[in-house]
C-alpha cells in the first residue's frame, strides 16, 4: 500500500477528483482508496506499523464508495485494456465527486494487498469548483494570495536617528518582495495546481528576514537607542550581536527542519508541527529580552515613561498575537480554517506593527508640526516622546 502524503480539503458540495492511471495488466488488480479525516479513518491507518495491508483496507466504508477498483469489471473506474509494444496495459480515466455535510479532508492511497507490489503511472487533479480563486486550492488555502498594505519610510539624515530610521525602513522592503513572490506563486498555483516551491520558499525567507530586522529595531529602541542615548555601549553591542545571531540561526534551523521533516500527512500547517512550536518559543524568548531592555531603560530614565509605557503596550500585542492565536486555533478552530485564519492574523499584526511605528513617527522627509514645533527630518528623543505619548495600542 502506498499513501499520498498530502491531504486535500474539499468543499462540502464542489469537491472533485479526476484521475488517469495506467499499469501492466499482469500487475492487476490495484485500487484507489479514499480516506477522510474521521479518527477511525486516516489517523487510524497512516504510519500505523501494527496494521497490515488488509487491516488498513478494512476501515474503508463500502457504503461511502471509498474504493475505486482499477479493473474493467468496475465500470466507474473507466478502465480499458490497451496494447503497446506487445504489452497489455489497463488504462483508467475517470473521476469522483465528493459530497459531505462540512468541509472535509480527504487522503488518497493506492493498494494491492498480496502479490509483488505496485507498478503504475498516474495523474490526479483535485479541485474545488471552477473558479480561478478556488479550483486548485484546498479549502484551507483559500485567501492565500491576499494583499498586504505596506509603507516605505524614506530618510535623509545621519547619526543615530538615521540608523534607526534605516532599520525601520528595512523591514518594509522584504515584506513587499515577499508579497510579490507569494502572489507569483499563488497565481501559478491557481493556474496549474502545482506552483513553484522555490518561489514560495524565497517568499517565506523574505518574510522571516523582515521579522528579524523589525525585532532588532524594537530591542534597540527598548535599550534606549535614540531615546536616551545616541549609541549602544560596546558590551551591549556584543551581547545584542550574539543574541541576534543565535536567534537568527535558530530561526533558520527551524525553517530547515520544517522543510525537511514536515509531514503533510499528519500536520496541516506550520504551527501544528514541532518547528511551529519552536518558532512560538523563539518569539516568547524575544519578548523576554524586549521586556528586559525596556525595564532597564525605565530604571535609569524614569522620565521616559510617557514614551516607553505606550510603546511597550503596543508591541506586547505584536509579540503575542500570532502565538496566542495559533494555540487557540490548534484546539478551538476547525482544521480546514486554521491556516488561513492564523496567516491572516499574522499579516494583519505585522501591518499593525509597522502602522503603529510609521503613523506615530511620520515620514521624516515631510515637514509637519507637533505642538507648534516644526518636525525635523530625523526624530530626536523629544519628538519620539511626543509621537508615542498617549498611544493606545488598540486605537489603530
Foldseek 3Di string as FASTA:
>chain_A
DFWDQAKFWEFQFFKKKWKKKKDFPVPDKKKKFKFWDDCLALVVPPPPPVDDQVRNVVSGDVVQVRIDIQDVVRVQQQWDWDDDPRTIMIITTHMDGHHDPGTIIMIIDMDDPDDDDDDMDMDMQIAHDDDLQGGLHGLLCRPVLPDFDADAFDFDDDAQLVVLSVLLRVLRVLQVQLSVLSNQQSNVCSVPVPGDVVSNVSSVVSNVVSVLSVLLSLLCVLLPPLQNDRDDDPVVVVVSVVVSVVLVVLLVVLVVCCVPPPRNSVDVDDCVDPSNVVVLVSLVVSLVSSVVSNVVVCVVPVVLCLQSVLSNVLCVCLSPVLVVLLVCCVPPNDSSHRPVVSVVSNSVSVSLVSCLVDVLLDRLVDWDDQPNDIRHSGDHSVSSSSSSGPHDSPPD
